[in-house]
């Protein structure tokens, strides 16, 4: 493999990994509005109404729990 081809492959690999970090995926999938929570996953979207003045609890489990909770702003 030539050095140029290797550099290109490594650059593409790193760009791919940067797009699938827990923070990036959560930013794309979760949006909290005053009256609703909007979730998006692949080709599906769901909107959940929130009670005025109510609480929203987030449960994160696994290796990506800390960065996801931090991105959500509730850490």
Protein backbone atom coordinates (compact mmCIF):
# COMPACT_ATOMS: atom_id res chain seq x y z
CA UNK A 1 0.00 0.00 0.00
CA UNK A 2 1.45 3.37 -0.95
CA UNK A 3 1.95 6.06 1.71
CA UNK A 4 -0.61 8.31 -0.01
CA UNK A 5 -3.24 5.57 -0.10
CA UNK A 6 -2.54 4.72 3.54
CA UNK A 7 -2.89 8.38 4.58
CA UNK A 8 -6.18 8.63 2.74
CA UNK A 9 -7.48 5.43 4.35
CA UNK A 10 -6.49 6.60 7.83
CA UNK A 11 -8.09 10.02 7.25
CA UNK A 12 -11.36 8.40 6.08
CA UNK A 13 -11.34 6.04 9.06
CA UNK A 14 -10.88 8.93 11.50
CA UNK A 15 -13.61 10.99 9.83
CA UNK A 16 -15.96 8.03 10.08
CA UNK A 17 -15.23 7.56 13.78
CA UNK A 18 -15.74 11.27 14.45
CA UNK A 19 -19.25 11.05 12.99
CA UNK A 20 -20.36 8.24 15.29
CA UNK A 21 -19.27 9.48 18.71
CA UNK A 22 -21.94 9.20 21.42
CA UNK A 23 -22.12 12.98 21.63
CA UNK A 24 -22.66 13.42 17.89
CA UNK A 25 -25.30 10.71 17.70
CA UNK A 26 -27.20 12.05 20.70
CA UNK A 27 -27.10 15.59 19.31
CA UNK A 28 -28.74 14.28 16.13
CA UNK A 29 -31.28 12.05 17.89
CA UNK A 30 -32.56 14.11 20.82
CA UNK A 31 -34.14 17.53 21.00
CA UNK A 32 -35.83 18.93 24.09
CA UNK A 33 -38.34 21.70 23.64
CA UNK A 34 -40.39 23.41 26.35
CA UNK A 35 -43.47 21.29 25.68
CA UNK A 36 -42.06 18.16 24.01
CA UNK A 37 -39.21 15.74 23.65
CA UNK A 38 -38.35 14.79 20.08
CA UNK A 39 -36.50 11.56 19.36
CA UNK A 40 -35.11 10.58 15.98
CA UNK A 41 -33.68 7.20 15.04
CA UNK A 42 -32.79 6.30 11.46
CA UNK A 43 -35.99 6.97 9.50
CA UNK A 44 -38.32 7.22 12.52
CA UNK A 45 -39.22 10.31 14.56
CA UNK A 46 -41.29 10.43 17.70
CA UNK A 47 -42.57 13.41 19.63
CA UNK A 48 -43.49 13.01 23.29
CA UNK A 49 -45.47 15.74 25.06
CA UNK A 50 -44.02 16.98 28.35
CA UNK A 51 -46.10 18.14 31.28
CA UNK A 52 -45.69 21.84 32.08
CA UNK A 53 -43.22 22.21 34.94
CA UNK A 54 -42.58 18.48 34.96
CA UNK A 55 -39.25 16.72 35.30
CA UNK A 56 -37.39 14.81 32.66
CA UNK A 57 -35.20 11.97 33.87
CA UNK A 58 -32.43 10.52 31.74
CA UNK A 59 -31.03 7.04 32.26
CA UNK A 60 -27.74 6.28 30.53
CA UNK A 61 -26.19 2.82 30.73
CA UNK A 62 -22.99 1.46 29.27
CA UNK A 63 -19.63 2.69 28.03
CA UNK A 64 -21.15 5.72 26.34
CA UNK A 65 -23.26 6.75 29.34
CA UNK A 66 -21.03 9.56 30.62
CA UNK A 67 -20.46 11.35 27.27
CA UNK A 68 -24.15 11.00 26.37
CA UNK A 69 -25.33 12.41 29.70
CA UNK A 70 -22.83 15.26 29.40
CA UNK A 71 -24.02 16.08 25.87
CA UNK A 72 -27.62 16.04 27.08
CA UNK A 73 -26.63 18.70 29.60
CA UNK A 74 -27.89 16.80 32.61
CA UNK A 75 -24.60 15.48 33.95
